N, C-alpha and C. Protein backbone atom coordinates (compact mmCIF):
# COMPACT_ATOMS: atom_id res chain seq x y z
N MET A 1 -18.35 -78.44 36.90
CA MET A 1 -18.07 -76.67 36.47
C MET A 1 -19.32 -76.52 35.64
N ILE A 2 -20.04 -75.51 35.67
CA ILE A 2 -21.54 -75.17 35.41
C ILE A 2 -20.87 -74.56 34.00
N GLY A 3 -21.39 -74.54 32.96
CA GLY A 3 -20.84 -73.52 32.13
C GLY A 3 -21.31 -74.08 30.70
N THR A 4 -21.26 -73.35 29.54
CA THR A 4 -20.92 -73.98 28.10
C THR A 4 -19.54 -73.36 27.87
N ILE A 5 -19.14 -74.43 26.80
CA ILE A 5 -18.05 -74.57 26.15
C ILE A 5 -18.12 -73.38 24.99
N VAL A 6 -16.99 -72.43 25.28
CA VAL A 6 -17.21 -71.44 24.41
C VAL A 6 -15.83 -71.20 23.34
N ALA A 7 -15.09 -71.98 23.54
CA ALA A 7 -13.81 -72.05 22.88
C ALA A 7 -13.10 -73.48 22.87
N GLU A 8 -12.29 -73.83 22.08
CA GLU A 8 -11.98 -75.05 22.13
C GLU A 8 -10.47 -74.87 21.54
N PRO A 9 -9.42 -74.45 21.79
CA PRO A 9 -8.36 -73.85 21.41
C PRO A 9 -7.13 -74.92 20.60
N ILE A 10 -7.70 -76.31 20.92
CA ILE A 10 -6.78 -77.13 20.13
C ILE A 10 -7.73 -77.81 18.90
N GLU A 11 -6.65 -78.86 18.22
CA GLU A 11 -7.64 -79.42 17.28
C GLU A 11 -7.65 -81.35 17.87
N GLU A 12 -8.16 -81.66 17.32
CA GLU A 12 -8.58 -82.99 17.47
C GLU A 12 -7.16 -84.15 17.06
N GLY A 13 -6.72 -84.75 18.12
CA GLY A 13 -5.49 -85.38 17.76
C GLY A 13 -4.21 -84.69 17.79
N GLN A 14 -4.64 -83.34 18.41
CA GLN A 14 -3.34 -82.58 18.46
C GLN A 14 -2.62 -83.09 19.61
N LEU A 15 -1.11 -83.16 20.08
CA LEU A 15 -0.26 -83.24 21.16
C LEU A 15 -0.38 -81.87 21.65
N VAL A 16 -0.61 -82.14 23.34
CA VAL A 16 -0.54 -81.07 24.07
C VAL A 16 0.46 -81.45 25.42
N LYS A 17 0.62 -80.35 26.21
CA LYS A 17 1.24 -80.51 27.17
C LYS A 17 0.87 -79.95 28.70
N LYS A 18 1.59 -80.64 29.45
CA LYS A 18 0.88 -79.94 30.83
C LYS A 18 0.63 -78.62 30.90
N GLY A 19 -0.73 -77.87 31.33
CA GLY A 19 -0.92 -76.92 31.50
C GLY A 19 -1.73 -76.31 30.04
N THR A 20 -1.44 -76.93 28.97
CA THR A 20 -2.40 -76.45 27.89
C THR A 20 -3.47 -76.37 28.25
N LEU A 21 -4.11 -75.07 27.57
CA LEU A 21 -5.73 -75.28 27.88
C LEU A 21 -6.55 -75.69 26.60
N LEU A 22 -7.39 -76.62 27.22
CA LEU A 22 -8.23 -77.16 26.30
C LEU A 22 -9.49 -76.76 25.93
N ALA A 23 -9.78 -75.90 26.67
CA ALA A 23 -11.62 -75.55 26.46
C ALA A 23 -11.64 -74.35 27.25
N LYS A 24 -12.30 -73.14 27.02
CA LYS A 24 -13.11 -72.25 27.77
C LYS A 24 -14.12 -72.30 28.02
N SER A 25 -14.59 -72.06 29.09
CA SER A 25 -16.21 -72.01 29.49
C SER A 25 -16.99 -70.77 29.77
N ASP A 26 -18.22 -70.40 29.15
CA ASP A 26 -18.75 -69.42 29.83
C ASP A 26 -19.28 -69.69 30.94
N ASP A 27 -18.93 -69.07 32.21
CA ASP A 27 -19.06 -69.31 33.69
C ASP A 27 -19.95 -68.24 34.02
N ARG A 28 -20.94 -67.77 33.53
CA ARG A 28 -21.98 -65.99 34.06
C ARG A 28 -22.96 -67.24 34.85
N ASN A 29 -23.52 -68.70 34.47
CA ASN A 29 -24.22 -68.77 35.19
C ASN A 29 -23.77 -69.34 36.97
N TYR A 30 -22.34 -70.15 36.45
CA TYR A 30 -21.88 -70.33 37.87
C TYR A 30 -21.21 -69.16 38.98
N GLN A 31 -20.88 -68.03 38.08
CA GLN A 31 -20.74 -66.68 38.96
C GLN A 31 -22.02 -66.24 39.50
N GLY A 32 -23.17 -66.26 38.87
CA GLY A 32 -24.26 -65.93 39.40
C GLY A 32 -24.48 -66.70 40.53
N LEU A 33 -24.44 -68.18 40.74
CA LEU A 33 -24.77 -68.91 41.74
C LEU A 33 -23.89 -68.46 43.07
N LEU A 34 -22.29 -68.52 42.25
CA LEU A 34 -21.63 -68.13 43.15
C LEU A 34 -21.93 -66.71 44.14
N ASN A 35 -22.18 -66.03 43.65
CA ASN A 35 -22.75 -64.28 44.01
C ASN A 35 -23.95 -64.40 44.83
N GLN A 36 -24.77 -65.43 44.61
CA GLN A 36 -25.97 -65.55 45.24
C GLN A 36 -25.74 -66.28 46.80
N ALA A 37 -24.79 -67.35 46.47
CA ALA A 37 -24.33 -68.25 47.88
C ALA A 37 -23.61 -66.97 48.55
N LYS A 38 -22.70 -66.44 48.44
CA LYS A 38 -22.23 -65.13 49.22
C LYS A 38 -22.97 -64.53 49.66
N ALA A 39 -24.44 -64.15 49.12
CA ALA A 39 -25.16 -63.05 49.48
C ALA A 39 -25.91 -63.66 50.58
N GLU A 40 -26.35 -65.09 50.74
CA GLU A 40 -26.81 -65.79 51.73
C GLU A 40 -26.10 -65.97 52.66
N ARG A 41 -24.65 -66.57 52.05
CA ARG A 41 -23.85 -66.74 53.61
C ARG A 41 -23.82 -64.88 54.49
N GLY A 42 -23.74 -64.03 54.01
CA GLY A 42 -23.85 -63.04 54.49
C GLY A 42 -25.16 -62.49 55.40
N LEU A 43 -25.93 -62.52 55.04
CA LEU A 43 -27.38 -62.71 55.51
C LEU A 43 -27.34 -63.17 56.50
N ALA A 44 -27.12 -65.12 56.36
CA ALA A 44 -26.68 -65.82 57.72
C ALA A 44 -26.01 -65.24 59.09
N GLU A 45 -24.53 -64.74 58.38
CA GLU A 45 -23.81 -64.25 59.15
C GLU A 45 -24.25 -62.81 60.23
N ALA A 46 -24.83 -62.32 59.10
CA ALA A 46 -25.86 -61.24 60.18
C ALA A 46 -26.61 -61.27 61.04
N ASN A 47 -27.50 -62.45 60.42
CA ASN A 47 -28.62 -62.71 61.58
C ASN A 47 -27.85 -63.39 62.76
N VAL A 48 -26.59 -64.35 62.60
CA VAL A 48 -26.20 -64.59 63.65
C VAL A 48 -25.82 -63.44 64.79
N LYS A 49 -25.07 -62.43 64.41
CA LYS A 49 -24.61 -61.73 64.97
C LYS A 49 -25.67 -60.56 65.73
N LEU A 50 -27.01 -60.65 64.83
CA LEU A 50 -27.78 -60.23 65.88
C LEU A 50 -28.80 -60.97 66.65
N LEU A 51 -28.75 -62.06 66.50
CA LEU A 51 -29.46 -62.81 67.23
C LEU A 51 -28.68 -62.94 69.21
N SER A 52 -27.02 -63.03 68.28
CA SER A 52 -26.22 -63.29 69.36
C SER A 52 -26.35 -61.46 70.39
N ALA A 53 -26.59 -60.52 69.36
CA ALA A 53 -26.56 -59.12 70.38
C ALA A 53 -28.00 -59.14 71.25
N GLN A 54 -28.58 -60.11 70.65
CA GLN A 54 -30.21 -59.83 71.54
C GLN A 54 -30.32 -60.53 72.31
N ALA A 55 -29.10 -61.82 72.51
CA ALA A 55 -29.07 -62.46 73.41
C ALA A 55 -28.36 -61.85 74.81
N THR A 56 -27.31 -61.35 74.50
CA THR A 56 -26.66 -60.33 74.78
C THR A 56 -27.61 -59.15 75.80
N ASP A 57 -28.14 -58.60 74.95
CA ASP A 57 -29.22 -57.70 75.81
C ASP A 57 -30.33 -57.60 76.77
N TYR A 58 -30.99 -59.36 76.04
CA TYR A 58 -31.45 -59.83 77.05
C TYR A 58 -31.34 -60.00 78.24
N ALA A 59 -30.11 -60.47 78.82
CA ALA A 59 -29.77 -60.70 79.94
C ALA A 59 -30.07 -59.40 81.12
N PRO A 60 -29.39 -58.60 81.00
CA PRO A 60 -29.88 -57.62 82.01
C PRO A 60 -31.26 -57.05 81.85
N LEU A 61 -32.00 -57.05 81.20
CA LEU A 61 -33.55 -57.34 81.08
C LEU A 61 -34.31 -58.30 82.00
N HIS A 62 -33.28 -59.16 82.06
CA HIS A 62 -33.93 -60.40 82.71
C HIS A 62 -33.84 -59.77 84.23
N ARG A 63 -32.39 -59.95 84.54
CA ARG A 63 -32.19 -59.74 85.56
C ARG A 63 -33.06 -58.34 86.25
N GLU A 64 -33.43 -57.27 85.65
CA GLU A 64 -33.82 -55.98 86.23
C GLU A 64 -35.14 -56.73 85.99
N GLY A 65 -36.04 -57.82 85.75
CA GLY A 65 -37.30 -57.99 85.49
C GLY A 65 -38.70 -57.79 84.33
N VAL A 66 -37.61 -57.39 83.16
CA VAL A 66 -38.53 -56.67 82.31
C VAL A 66 -38.42 -57.76 81.26
N ALA A 67 -37.71 -58.69 81.80
CA ALA A 67 -38.16 -59.88 80.37
C ALA A 67 -38.38 -61.12 81.33
N SER A 68 -39.09 -62.03 81.12
CA SER A 68 -39.14 -63.25 81.58
C SER A 68 -37.91 -63.93 81.36
N GLN A 69 -37.84 -65.22 82.28
CA GLN A 69 -37.04 -66.45 82.05
C GLN A 69 -37.22 -66.83 80.67
N ASP A 70 -38.32 -67.20 80.45
CA ASP A 70 -39.01 -67.81 78.89
C ASP A 70 -38.39 -66.86 77.86
N GLU A 71 -38.58 -65.69 77.92
CA GLU A 71 -38.10 -64.60 76.80
C GLU A 71 -37.06 -64.77 76.60
N LEU A 72 -35.71 -65.20 77.78
CA LEU A 72 -34.43 -64.99 77.68
C LEU A 72 -34.26 -66.16 77.11
N ASP A 73 -34.62 -67.24 77.74
CA ASP A 73 -34.54 -68.45 77.10
C ASP A 73 -34.60 -68.61 75.36
N GLN A 74 -35.58 -67.95 75.08
CA GLN A 74 -36.28 -68.51 73.65
C GLN A 74 -35.04 -67.92 72.78
N VAL A 75 -34.73 -66.22 73.69
CA VAL A 75 -33.86 -65.52 72.50
C VAL A 75 -32.01 -66.20 72.51
N GLU A 76 -32.19 -66.69 73.78
CA GLU A 76 -30.70 -67.55 73.64
C GLU A 76 -30.55 -68.62 73.06
N ASN A 77 -31.72 -69.70 72.66
CA ASN A 77 -31.82 -70.70 72.06
C ASN A 77 -31.58 -70.33 70.63
N ASN A 78 -32.34 -69.20 70.23
CA ASN A 78 -32.75 -68.79 68.90
C ASN A 78 -31.08 -68.59 68.55
N SER A 79 -30.27 -68.00 69.25
CA SER A 79 -28.80 -67.67 69.12
C SER A 79 -28.32 -68.82 68.73
N GLN A 80 -28.25 -69.76 69.48
CA GLN A 80 -27.28 -70.98 69.52
C GLN A 80 -27.96 -71.76 68.27
N LEU A 81 -28.72 -71.69 67.89
CA LEU A 81 -29.37 -72.57 67.21
C LEU A 81 -28.98 -72.07 65.61
N ARG A 82 -29.13 -70.70 65.69
CA ARG A 82 -28.48 -70.53 64.36
C ARG A 82 -26.82 -70.46 63.99
N ARG A 83 -26.02 -70.79 65.24
CA ARG A 83 -24.48 -70.36 64.88
C ARG A 83 -24.20 -71.53 63.82
N PRO A 84 -24.77 -72.58 63.75
CA PRO A 84 -24.17 -73.99 63.04
C PRO A 84 -24.49 -73.75 61.57
N VAL A 85 -25.43 -72.81 61.43
CA VAL A 85 -25.79 -72.59 59.93
C VAL A 85 -24.60 -72.43 58.95
N TRP A 86 -23.97 -71.38 59.68
CA TRP A 86 -22.91 -71.02 58.29
C TRP A 86 -21.66 -71.52 58.96
N ARG A 87 -20.93 -71.92 58.34
CA ARG A 87 -19.01 -72.32 58.66
C ARG A 87 -18.47 -71.96 57.37
N LYS A 88 -17.54 -71.36 57.47
CA LYS A 88 -16.65 -70.87 56.44
C LYS A 88 -15.55 -72.03 56.03
N PRO A 89 -16.21 -71.89 55.01
CA PRO A 89 -15.84 -73.31 54.07
C PRO A 89 -14.20 -73.04 53.69
N LYS A 90 -13.41 -74.31 53.84
CA LYS A 90 -11.80 -74.33 52.95
C LYS A 90 -11.67 -73.58 51.73
N GLN A 91 -10.73 -72.68 52.05
CA GLN A 91 -10.34 -72.30 50.33
C GLN A 91 -10.21 -73.03 49.45
N ARG A 92 -11.20 -72.71 48.10
CA ARG A 92 -10.98 -74.00 47.38
C ARG A 92 -10.49 -72.91 46.15
N SER A 93 -9.89 -73.47 44.98
CA SER A 93 -9.33 -72.21 44.03
C SER A 93 -10.78 -73.27 42.79
N PHE A 94 -11.48 -72.50 41.93
CA PHE A 94 -12.24 -72.89 40.90
C PHE A 94 -11.64 -72.16 40.01
N ARG A 95 -11.03 -73.22 38.96
CA ARG A 95 -10.56 -72.73 37.19
C ARG A 95 -11.95 -72.47 36.37
N ARG A 96 -11.65 -71.16 35.78
CA ARG A 96 -12.49 -71.21 34.87
C ARG A 96 -12.53 -71.88 33.37
N ASN A 97 -11.17 -72.25 33.20
CA ASN A 97 -10.56 -72.89 32.56
C ASN A 97 -9.93 -74.32 32.26
N ILE A 98 -10.34 -75.09 31.29
CA ILE A 98 -9.77 -76.63 31.92
C ILE A 98 -8.50 -76.76 31.14
N SER A 99 -7.89 -77.21 32.12
CA SER A 99 -6.41 -77.83 31.51
C SER A 99 -5.91 -78.94 31.56
N LEU A 100 -5.20 -79.42 30.95
CA LEU A 100 -4.87 -81.12 30.97
C LEU A 100 -3.70 -80.97 32.39
N ALA A 101 -4.23 -81.66 33.41
CA ALA A 101 -3.95 -81.65 34.67
C ALA A 101 -2.63 -82.82 34.50
N ASN A 102 -2.75 -83.92 34.05
CA ASN A 102 -1.34 -84.92 33.66
C ASN A 102 -1.00 -85.28 32.45
N ALA A 103 -0.16 -84.75 31.75
CA ALA A 103 0.59 -84.92 30.46
C ALA A 103 1.57 -85.71 30.12
């Protein structure tokens, strides 16, 4: 977890139970990084859609002789190369607060 500890609601030596809040962190840096990653993913998704649409549009242009085979191949290759750039990650939950896992 990225962040600075901003509160420690327990005392040293205090007995705690499972689920007791041990510390709170300031997660603004983490949230900024998370928001940046979401924006970059959105951009990658939009680029994939754009390249896919271009590949679809070039096929009829090639059939009509307006676009060359090289142009069609380049657009199709670009479309395929960009696909693996983003994949939906498995859902993970991030806790803002650190708690005792096994008491």
